[in-house]
Amino acid sequence: MYTSYIGKKFLKLYKAKYKKPDSYTAQQFFNEVMFPLFFRDNSHLMHVGNSPFFQRPKEEDVKLHGSTSLSQLNNLRKKIESGIPSGAVYVGFAAEEIQATSSGQLTSMNFNTNSEEMYASWIGQALAIGVNGGFVMLINEEDVLLSLFRGWEHYRKYLDQTPNLKDKQIETWNGHWLCLRLNEDFDNNEINYNEIETAEVVGNIAIPTQKWSRVIFTLSKKFPNKIITAYSYNLSQTNTTLGFINLYLPEVKRLFEFRDKIFINNENQILQYQEIEKLETFFNFRSACKLGTIGLKALEPAKLREYMPRGSMEYAQGKDFKFTDNNSYIIYQLYQLWIIAMLNKTELLQLASDVAKSLIDLEKNQSERDKTKTSQNQSSKELMESKNIKSFIDGLTELISPVNAEIFKEVVEQIIKMPSDNFPLFSTLIRFEYTYQKSKNH
């Protein structure tokens, strides 16, 4: 199980950093580091279903070992020494019996599972990063693993000093801690636990699960030139595995690169990092993984398709964007930024703006001549509602004039070059520019 692999990978890093001998084992780390932090107190940092730490020990065992937690630790040790792997002692492994819900993982093959593998799986699971949707990720990166490890003690302190805080949320904590720890402004000496986000759950409070997109944005800042592989899964009554997913962080970084290019002359209106990282996405984490990789496409803004031409792609609704307040302008900038990053060409933003201006000028000239703008407005609307490249070019042909001929010619050349999947994005960019310029003239 990959939890064990990550656990052993971390242990190697730990031994090198903290000058431990090569003979230092996963069991020693569990006994000396994990147990005191995670399980000695009544409130645990991690939950492993059906494990000894999930079950109440016998009274005679508690008396023999001196405490509930020590007797649970002894029960874990005995179960691991029995050599029979199961999800209760080997985190992420199959159930012990064929009748259990996760018995589909059982096999007659002998993997020679030993105690070191089992203890290492606990370490690996404690380094899992929880994201919204109920899934966790394991990331095989030295900086990530060591950063998460440093967060364990802070979770224990936070749990101890916060009344009514739900325990057993190490994976959720890891998601928040990673976004905090990898921030360039992070100061390990000035952590204000009161600023950590919480939510009320049945009369108590809990740490809400971090948005998967925010974790991706954080990783893209730390590793802007790397493609990182994450292993994603969920352990519950039935285990679910999404598998290995490549995170294309250089693609994600393009959002920030294009932000700087697009808004270079508008410093007072530039999108802040915090505004971008709060982006709500169209895809949930599971759906994003189904794309095969997680990059820029997976970060599609949640409601963008509402404003794409109806029929141009799935769920497109053809709505007109409304500028009502400052927040709507921020959303407009986010949509604009993501589209340009996907098209990977800043010149297309200016071209879309020129097309929008041409359409507005045509409407204005028509209105001055005919004292009505109904006909021209309708032609502009039909053009921007085009579902495909052919109908869009046909619409441009009907509106061409000596004034806009060069612009329309450039548009045709650009959309013929672009992949068909990109046309709805460019068309939507024109729609946004048209609406924005209209709003400024009223």
Protein backbone atom coordinates (compact mmCIF):
# COMPACT_ATOMS: atom_id res chain seq x y z
CA MET A 1 0.00 0.00 0.00
CA TYR A 2 1.26 3.46 -0.88
CA THR A 3 0.80 4.67 2.69
CA SER A 4 3.65 2.36 3.67
CA TYR A 5 5.84 3.58 0.82
CA ILE A 6 5.36 7.22 1.85
CA GLY A 7 5.95 6.31 5.49
CA LYS A 8 9.27 4.69 4.65
CA LYS A 9 10.23 7.55 2.36
CA PHE A 10 9.56 10.02 5.17
CA LEU A 11 11.46 7.91 7.70
CA LYS A 12 14.54 8.06 5.49
CA LEU A 13 14.26 11.86 5.37
CA TYR A 14 13.67 12.01 9.12
CA LYS A 15 16.74 9.93 9.91
CA ALA A 16 18.93 12.12 7.71
CA LYS A 17 17.59 15.39 9.10
CA TYR A 18 17.56 14.43 12.78
CA LYS A 19 20.75 12.35 12.74
CA LYS A 20 19.14 9.01 13.53
CA PRO A 21 21.06 5.76 12.88
CA ASP A 22 20.25 3.68 9.80
CA SER A 23 18.89 1.00 12.13
CA TYR A 24 16.14 3.36 13.38
CA THR A 25 12.82 1.66 12.56
CA ALA A 26 9.26 2.71 11.78
CA GLN A 27 8.18 1.06 15.03
CA GLN A 28 10.66 3.19 16.99
CA PHE A 29 9.36 6.33 15.30
CA PHE A 30 5.78 5.31 16.03
CA ASN A 31 6.53 4.62 19.71
CA GLU A 32 8.72 7.68 20.30
CA VAL A 33 7.11 10.34 18.11
CA MET A 34 3.68 9.40 16.84
CA PHE A 35 2.18 7.72 19.87
CA PRO A 36 2.89 10.58 22.35
CA LEU A 37 1.52 13.15 19.90
CA PHE A 38 -1.33 11.23 18.32
CA PHE A 39 -2.73 8.75 20.83
CA ARG A 40 -1.53 9.23 24.42
CA ASP A 41 -4.24 11.82 25.11
CA ASN A 42 -7.95 11.00 25.08
CA SER A 43 -8.34 13.16 21.98
CA HIS A 44 -6.56 11.49 19.08
CA LEU A 45 -5.10 13.18 16.03
CA MET A 46 -5.91 10.37 13.60
CA HIS A 47 -8.63 7.81 13.07
CA VAL A 48 -7.97 4.33 11.71
CA GLY A 49 -11.18 2.31 11.56
CA ASN A 50 -11.29 -0.90 13.62
CA SER A 51 -7.76 -0.34 14.89
CA PRO A 52 -6.91 -0.88 18.59
CA PHE A 53 -7.06 2.90 19.05
CA PHE A 54 -10.64 2.78 17.80
CA GLN A 55 -11.67 0.11 20.32
CA ARG A 56 -12.05 0.22 24.08
CA PRO A 57 -9.52 -2.15 25.73
CA LYS A 58 -10.36 -4.57 28.51
CA GLU A 59 -10.34 -3.19 32.04
CA GLU A 60 -7.69 -5.68 33.15
CA ASP A 61 -5.44 -4.53 30.27
CA VAL A 62 -5.85 -0.91 31.32
CA LYS A 63 -4.81 -1.79 34.89
CA LEU A 64 -1.90 -3.88 33.64
CA HIS A 65 -0.43 -1.20 31.38
CA GLY A 66 -1.41 1.81 33.44
CA SER A 67 -3.68 3.67 31.00
CA THR A 68 -6.18 3.20 28.20
CA SER A 69 -3.79 4.51 25.55
CA LEU A 70 -0.89 2.31 26.65
CA SER A 71 -3.09 -0.78 26.59
CA GLN A 72 -4.28 0.20 23.10
CA LEU A 73 -0.67 0.59 22.03
CA ASN A 74 0.10 -2.87 23.36
CA ASN A 75 -2.88 -4.33 21.49
CA LEU A 76 -1.63 -2.74 18.28
CA ARG A 77 1.83 -4.19 18.85
CA LYS A 78 0.42 -7.69 19.41
CA LYS A 79 -1.78 -7.51 16.31
CA ILE A 80 1.12 -6.38 14.16
CA GLU A 81 3.37 -9.09 15.59
CA SER A 82 0.75 -11.68 14.67
CA GLY A 83 1.74 -11.00 11.05
CA ILE A 84 -1.85 -10.90 9.77
CA PRO A 85 -2.27 -7.66 7.79
CA SER A 86 -5.62 -5.88 7.73
CA GLY A 87 -6.83 -2.32 7.44
CA ALA A 88 -6.99 -2.17 11.23
CA VAL A 89 -3.20 -2.37 11.60
CA TYR A 90 -1.91 -1.80 8.05
CA VAL A 91 -3.51 1.50 7.06
CA GLY A 92 -5.12 1.31 3.63
CA PHE A 93 -4.88 -2.48 3.40
CA ALA A 94 -7.80 -4.84 2.84
CA ALA A 95 -10.14 -6.16 5.49
CA GLU A 96 -9.05 -9.23 7.39
CA GLU A 97 -12.11 -11.34 6.49
CA ILE A 98 -13.91 -12.01 3.24
CA GLN A 99 -17.26 -10.87 4.66
CA ALA A 100 -16.08 -7.28 5.22
CA THR A 101 -17.05 -4.48 2.84
CA SER A 102 -13.45 -3.85 1.72
CA SER A 103 -12.73 -7.53 1.11
CA GLY A 104 -12.44 -6.84 -2.62
CA GLN A 105 -8.81 -5.99 -1.95
CA LEU A 106 -8.07 -9.45 -0.54
CA THR A 107 -5.76 -11.71 -2.50
CA SER A 108 -4.13 -15.11 -2.12
CA MET A 109 -0.81 -13.62 -3.28
CA ASN A 110 1.88 -13.39 -0.63
CA PHE A 111 3.45 -9.93 -0.40
CA ASN A 112 5.63 -10.81 2.60
CA THR A 113 4.17 -7.98 4.63
CA ASN A 114 6.20 -7.35 7.76
CA SER A 115 5.85 -5.19 10.86
CA GLU A 116 8.01 -2.41 9.38
CA GLU A 117 5.54 -2.07 6.48
CA MET A 118 2.61 -1.89 8.88
CA TYR A 119 4.09 0.75 11.17
CA ALA A 120 5.23 2.75 8.15
CA SER A 121 1.65 2.81 6.85
CA TRP A 122 0.58 4.73 9.97
CA ILE A 123 3.28 7.30 9.31
CA GLY A 124 2.24 7.58 5.67
CA GLN A 125 -1.43 8.08 6.49
CA ALA A 126 -0.51 10.80 9.00
CA LEU A 127 1.10 12.65 6.05
CA ALA A 128 -2.02 12.50 3.85
CA ILE A 129 -3.50 15.81 2.69
CA GLY A 130 -7.28 16.05 2.97
CA VAL A 131 -9.23 17.93 0.29
CA ASN A 132 -12.92 18.64 -0.07
CA GLY A 133 -14.90 15.76 -1.51
CA GLY A 134 -13.71 13.25 1.10
CA PHE A 135 -10.43 12.32 -0.57
CA VAL A 136 -6.82 12.61 0.52
CA MET A 137 -3.57 12.91 -1.41
CA LEU A 138 -0.14 11.50 -0.70
CA ILE A 139 2.64 13.53 -2.32
CA ASN A 140 6.14 12.17 -2.63
CA GLU A 141 8.04 15.45 -2.24
CA GLU A 142 10.64 16.04 0.46
CA ASP A 143 9.58 19.61 1.27
CA VAL A 144 5.93 18.60 1.49
CA LEU A 145 6.54 15.61 3.77
CA LEU A 146 8.81 17.49 6.15
CA SER A 147 6.46 20.49 6.24
CA LEU A 148 3.49 18.28 7.13
CA PHE A 149 5.50 16.57 9.85
CA ARG A 150 6.30 19.95 11.43
CA GLY A 151 2.59 20.66 11.54
CA TRP A 152 1.74 17.67 13.75
CA GLU A 153 2.84 19.33 16.97
CA HIS A 154 0.87 22.45 16.07
CA TYR A 155 -2.27 20.41 15.55
CA ARG A 156 -1.80 18.86 19.00
CA LYS A 157 -1.35 22.33 20.57
CA TYR A 158 -4.36 23.69 18.71
CA LEU A 159 -6.50 20.73 19.75
CA ASP A 160 -5.41 21.02 23.39
CA GLN A 161 -6.19 24.72 23.67
CA THR A 162 -9.47 24.77 21.74
CA PRO A 163 -12.54 23.57 23.67
CA ASN A 164 -15.12 21.48 21.78
CA LEU A 165 -12.86 21.07 18.75
CA LYS A 166 -13.40 17.84 16.87
CA ASP A 167 -10.37 15.54 17.03
CA LYS A 168 -9.04 12.88 14.60
CA GLN A 169 -8.70 15.38 11.74
CA ILE A 170 -5.00 15.06 10.90
CA GLU A 171 -5.62 14.77 7.14
CA THR A 172 -7.86 17.85 7.20
CA TRP A 173 -5.34 19.72 9.34
CA ASN A 174 -2.60 18.77 6.87
CA GLY A 175 -4.49 20.46 4.04
CA HIS A 176 -4.74 23.71 5.99
CA TRP A 177 -1.22 23.47 7.37
CA LEU A 178 0.30 22.91 3.93
CA CYS A 179 -1.36 26.05 2.57
CA LEU A 180 -0.13 27.96 5.62
CA ARG A 181 3.37 26.49 5.82
CA LEU A 182 4.27 26.85 2.14
CA ASN A 183 3.13 30.47 2.07
CA GLU A 184 6.10 32.76 1.58
CA ASP A 185 4.90 35.00 4.44
CA PHE A 186 4.76 32.12 6.93
CA ASP A 187 6.41 32.75 10.30
CA ASN A 188 6.76 29.60 12.40
CA ASN A 189 7.23 31.72 15.53
CA GLU A 190 4.03 33.71 15.21
CA ILE A 191 1.25 31.20 14.57
CA ASN A 192 -2.10 32.56 15.71
CA TYR A 193 -4.35 29.54 16.18
CA ASN A 194 -7.35 31.84 16.62
CA GLU A 195 -7.12 32.71 12.93
CA ILE A 196 -7.58 29.10 11.82
CA GLU A 197 -10.91 28.63 10.09
CA THR A 198 -13.49 26.48 11.90
CA ALA A 199 -17.11 25.51 11.31
CA GLU A 200 -19.86 24.47 13.69
CA VAL A 201 -20.81 20.79 13.54
CA VAL A 202 -23.63 19.48 15.76
CA GLY A 203 -22.89 21.87 18.61
CA ASN A 204 -19.12 21.46 18.36
CA ILE A 205 -16.55 23.00 16.07
CA ALA A 206 -14.41 21.33 13.42
CA ILE A 207 -11.75 22.28 10.90
CA PRO A 208 -13.45 22.39 7.47
CA THR A 209 -11.80 20.45 4.67
CA GLN A 210 -9.50 22.52 2.50
CA LYS A 211 -10.56 23.19 -1.09
CA TRP A 212 -8.58 21.00 -3.46
CA SER A 213 -7.98 23.96 -5.77
CA ARG A 214 -6.32 25.96 -3.01
CA VAL A 215 -3.93 23.07 -2.32
CA ILE A 216 -3.05 22.99 -6.03
CA PHE A 217 -2.47 26.76 -6.10
CA THR A 218 -0.22 26.49 -3.04
CA LEU A 219 1.82 23.70 -4.60
CA SER A 220 2.16 25.70 -7.83
CA LYS A 221 3.77 28.55 -5.90
CA LYS A 222 6.22 26.21 -4.18
CA PHE A 223 6.97 24.05 -7.23
CA PRO A 224 6.23 26.32 -10.22
CA ASN A 225 8.28 24.26 -12.67
CA LYS A 226 7.47 20.72 -11.55
CA ILE A 227 4.95 18.09 -12.51
CA ILE A 228 4.15 16.32 -9.23
CA THR A 229 2.45 12.95 -8.94
CA ALA A 230 -0.14 12.57 -6.20
CA TYR A 231 -1.81 9.36 -5.06
CA SER A 232 -5.44 9.93 -4.09
CA TYR A 233 -7.87 7.72 -2.20
CA ASN A 234 -10.51 7.56 0.51
CA LEU A 235 -10.56 5.15 3.44
CA SER A 236 -13.99 4.55 4.93
CA GLN A 237 -16.47 1.70 5.16
CA THR A 238 -15.47 0.88 1.60
CA ASN A 239 -12.12 2.07 0.30
CA THR A 240 -12.02 4.14 -2.89
CA THR A 241 -8.89 4.67 -4.96
CA LEU A 242 -8.58 7.40 -7.59
CA GLY A 243 -5.00 6.38 -8.28
CA PHE A 244 -1.94 8.34 -9.33
CA ILE A 245 -2.70 11.80 -10.71
CA ASN A 246 -0.14 14.11 -12.28
CA LEU A 247 -0.39 17.72 -11.07
CA TYR A 248 0.73 20.00 -13.91
CA LEU A 249 1.88 22.90 -11.75
CA PRO A 250 3.59 24.89 -14.56
CA GLU A 251 0.15 25.13 -16.21
CA VAL A 252 -1.39 26.41 -12.99
CA LYS A 253 1.43 28.94 -12.65
CA ARG A 254 0.34 30.39 -16.02
CA LEU A 255 -2.63 31.99 -14.27
CA PHE A 256 -0.28 34.19 -12.27
CA GLU A 257 2.03 34.85 -15.20
CA PHE A 258 -0.86 36.01 -17.37
CA ARG A 259 -2.30 38.00 -14.48
CA ASP A 260 0.88 40.05 -14.36
CA LYS A 261 0.86 40.55 -18.14
CA ILE A 262 -2.82 41.42 -18.43
CA PHE A 263 -2.97 43.83 -15.52
CA ILE A 264 0.54 45.28 -15.82
CA ASN A 265 -0.87 48.78 -16.40
CA ASN A 266 -3.68 48.46 -13.85
CA GLU A 267 -1.86 47.92 -10.57
CA ASN A 268 -4.76 49.22 -8.50
CA GLN A 269 -7.12 46.71 -10.10
CA ILE A 270 -4.85 43.67 -10.27
CA LEU A 271 -6.28 40.42 -8.94
CA GLN A 272 -4.69 39.52 -5.63
CA TYR A 273 -3.33 36.04 -4.97
CA GLN A 274 -5.96 35.53 -2.27
CA GLU A 275 -8.73 36.29 -4.77
CA ILE A 276 -7.39 33.74 -7.24
CA GLU A 277 -6.86 30.96 -4.68
CA LYS A 278 -10.48 31.30 -3.50
CA LEU A 279 -11.65 30.41 -7.01
CA GLU A 280 -14.66 28.08 -6.97
CA THR A 281 -14.24 25.34 -9.57
CA PHE A 282 -16.63 23.67 -11.99
CA PHE A 283 -15.08 20.27 -11.29
CA ASN A 284 -15.06 18.65 -7.87
CA PHE A 285 -11.88 16.78 -6.98
CA ARG A 286 -13.12 13.40 -8.16
CA SER A 287 -14.27 14.83 -11.50
CA ALA A 288 -11.00 16.71 -11.86
CA CYS A 289 -9.10 13.44 -11.45
CA LYS A 290 -11.23 11.89 -14.19
CA LEU A 291 -9.68 14.37 -16.61
CA GLY A 292 -6.54 12.24 -16.29
CA THR A 293 -4.36 15.07 -15.03
CA ILE A 294 -4.91 18.14 -12.91
CA GLY A 295 -3.80 21.36 -14.52
CA LEU A 296 -5.36 24.55 -15.78
CA LYS A 297 -8.38 22.84 -17.34
CA ALA A 298 -9.36 21.28 -14.00
CA LEU A 299 -9.46 24.78 -12.47
CA GLU A 300 -12.28 25.98 -14.71
CA PRO A 301 -14.32 28.58 -12.76
CA ALA A 302 -17.52 27.18 -11.34
CA LYS A 303 -20.16 29.26 -13.16
CA LEU A 304 -18.28 30.24 -16.30
CA ARG A 305 -20.36 27.95 -18.52
CA GLU A 306 -23.47 29.93 -17.65
CA TYR A 307 -22.09 32.69 -19.89
CA MET A 308 -20.84 30.55 -22.78
CA PRO A 309 -22.97 30.44 -25.96
CA ARG A 310 -25.78 27.96 -25.50
CA GLY A 311 -24.95 24.67 -27.21
CA SER A 312 -21.25 25.49 -27.62
CA MET A 313 -20.38 23.00 -24.89
CA GLU A 314 -22.05 20.97 -22.17
CA TYR A 315 -24.06 23.01 -19.63
CA ALA A 316 -23.51 26.29 -21.55
CA GLN A 317 -26.48 28.61 -20.91
CA GLY A 318 -25.75 31.77 -22.89
CA LYS A 319 -26.48 34.21 -20.06
CA ASP A 320 -25.35 37.83 -20.16
CA PHE A 321 -22.87 38.75 -17.44
CA LYS A 322 -24.08 41.48 -15.08
CA PHE A 323 -21.79 44.09 -13.54
CA THR A 324 -23.51 44.96 -10.27
CA ASP A 325 -20.74 45.59 -7.73
CA ASN A 326 -17.01 45.30 -7.11
CA ASN A 327 -17.28 41.55 -6.50
CA SER A 328 -18.84 41.01 -9.93
CA TYR A 329 -15.87 42.83 -11.44
CA ILE A 330 -13.46 40.49 -9.60
CA ILE A 331 -15.39 37.48 -10.93
CA TYR A 332 -15.24 38.95 -14.43
CA GLN A 333 -11.45 39.30 -14.08
CA LEU A 334 -11.13 35.70 -12.87
CA TYR A 335 -13.13 34.42 -15.84
CA GLN A 336 -11.11 36.59 -18.21
CA LEU A 337 -7.81 35.47 -16.70
CA TRP A 338 -8.61 31.74 -16.83
CA ILE A 339 -9.76 31.94 -20.45
CA ILE A 340 -6.61 33.78 -21.54
CA ALA A 341 -4.43 31.29 -19.65
CA MET A 342 -6.24 28.44 -21.42
CA LEU A 343 -5.88 30.11 -24.82
CA ASN A 344 -2.25 30.84 -23.86
CA LYS A 345 -2.16 34.03 -25.88
CA THR A 346 -2.56 37.50 -24.36
CA GLU A 347 -3.08 39.05 -27.81
CA LEU A 348 -6.49 37.38 -28.00
CA LEU A 349 -7.74 39.55 -25.14
CA GLN A 350 -7.04 42.70 -27.13
CA LEU A 351 -8.56 41.13 -30.22
CA ALA A 352 -11.72 40.22 -28.30
CA SER A 353 -11.87 43.78 -27.00
CA ASP A 354 -11.51 45.16 -30.55
CA VAL A 355 -14.31 42.91 -31.84
CA ALA A 356 -16.57 43.98 -28.99
CA LYS A 357 -15.86 47.64 -29.70
CA SER A 358 -16.56 47.13 -33.41
CA LEU A 359 -19.94 45.59 -32.63
CA ILE A 360 -20.84 48.45 -30.28
CA ASP A 361 -19.73 51.04 -32.87
CA LEU A 362 -21.84 49.34 -35.54
CA GLU A 363 -24.85 49.47 -33.22
CA LYS A 364 -24.22 53.13 -32.49
CA ASN A 365 -23.87 54.08 -36.17
CA GLN A 366 -26.95 52.08 -37.12
CA SER A 367 -28.92 53.75 -34.33
CA GLU A 368 -27.90 57.23 -35.49
CA ARG A 369 -28.99 56.48 -39.07
CA ASP A 370 -32.20 54.59 -38.43
CA LYS A 371 -33.14 56.00 -35.03
CA THR A 372 -33.40 52.40 -33.90
CA LYS A 373 -30.80 49.93 -32.75
CA THR A 374 -32.98 46.83 -32.73
CA SER A 375 -31.71 45.32 -36.01
CA GLN A 376 -28.01 45.84 -35.35
CA ASN A 377 -28.27 44.74 -31.72
CA GLN A 378 -29.95 41.55 -32.88
CA SER A 379 -27.16 40.88 -35.38
CA SER A 380 -24.53 41.35 -32.65
CA LYS A 381 -26.44 39.07 -30.33
CA GLU A 382 -26.75 36.34 -32.96
CA LEU A 383 -23.00 36.57 -33.65
CA MET A 384 -22.12 36.16 -29.98
CA GLU A 385 -24.55 33.26 -29.66
CA SER A 386 -22.75 31.28 -32.38
CA LYS A 387 -22.31 27.65 -31.34
CA ASN A 388 -19.43 26.86 -33.66
CA ILE A 389 -16.72 28.43 -35.80
CA LYS A 390 -18.69 28.22 -39.06
CA SER A 391 -21.74 30.08 -37.78
CA PHE A 392 -19.47 32.66 -36.13
CA ILE A 393 -17.62 33.36 -39.39
CA ASP A 394 -20.95 33.57 -41.25
CA GLY A 395 -22.11 36.14 -38.71
CA LEU A 396 -18.94 38.20 -39.10
CA THR A 397 -19.36 38.18 -42.89
CA GLU A 398 -22.80 39.77 -42.56
CA LEU A 399 -21.40 42.55 -40.36
CA ILE A 400 -18.18 43.31 -42.24
CA SER A 401 -17.51 46.88 -43.30
CA PRO A 402 -14.49 48.94 -44.41
CA VAL A 403 -14.09 50.10 -40.82
CA ASN A 404 -13.89 46.65 -39.21
CA ALA A 405 -12.57 44.55 -42.12
CA GLU A 406 -9.02 44.23 -40.79
CA ILE A 407 -10.18 43.29 -37.30
CA PHE A 408 -12.67 40.71 -38.55
CA LYS A 409 -10.03 39.28 -40.91
CA GLU A 410 -7.64 38.84 -37.96
CA VAL A 411 -10.40 37.17 -35.92
CA VAL A 412 -11.10 34.66 -38.67
CA GLU A 413 -7.41 33.84 -39.01
CA GLN A 414 -7.04 33.31 -35.26
CA ILE A 415 -10.10 31.11 -34.72
CA ILE A 416 -9.23 28.91 -37.72
CA LYS A 417 -5.84 28.25 -36.13
CA MET A 418 -7.13 27.42 -32.67
CA PRO A 419 -8.38 23.96 -31.57
CA SER A 420 -12.17 23.68 -31.83
CA ASP A 421 -12.38 23.23 -28.06
CA ASN A 422 -10.94 26.72 -27.62
CA PHE A 423 -13.54 28.48 -29.75
CA PRO A 424 -16.24 28.64 -27.01
CA LEU A 425 -13.63 30.21 -24.71
CA PHE A 426 -12.68 32.90 -27.21
CA SER A 427 -16.31 33.53 -28.09
CA THR A 428 -17.11 33.93 -24.39
CA LEU A 429 -14.20 36.35 -24.05
CA ILE A 430 -15.82 38.54 -26.74
CA ARG A 431 -19.15 38.31 -24.89
CA PHE A 432 -17.50 39.47 -21.65
CA GLU A 433 -15.69 42.35 -23.38
CA TYR A 434 -18.90 43.41 -25.12
CA THR A 435 -20.83 43.45 -21.83
CA TYR A 436 -18.02 45.22 -20.00
CA GLN A 437 -17.69 47.99 -22.58
CA LYS A 438 -21.46 48.38 -22.68
CA SER A 439 -21.55 48.76 -18.89
CA LYS A 440 -18.92 51.52 -19.02
CA ASN A 441 -20.99 53.49 -21.54
CA HIS A 442 -24.07 53.59 -19.32
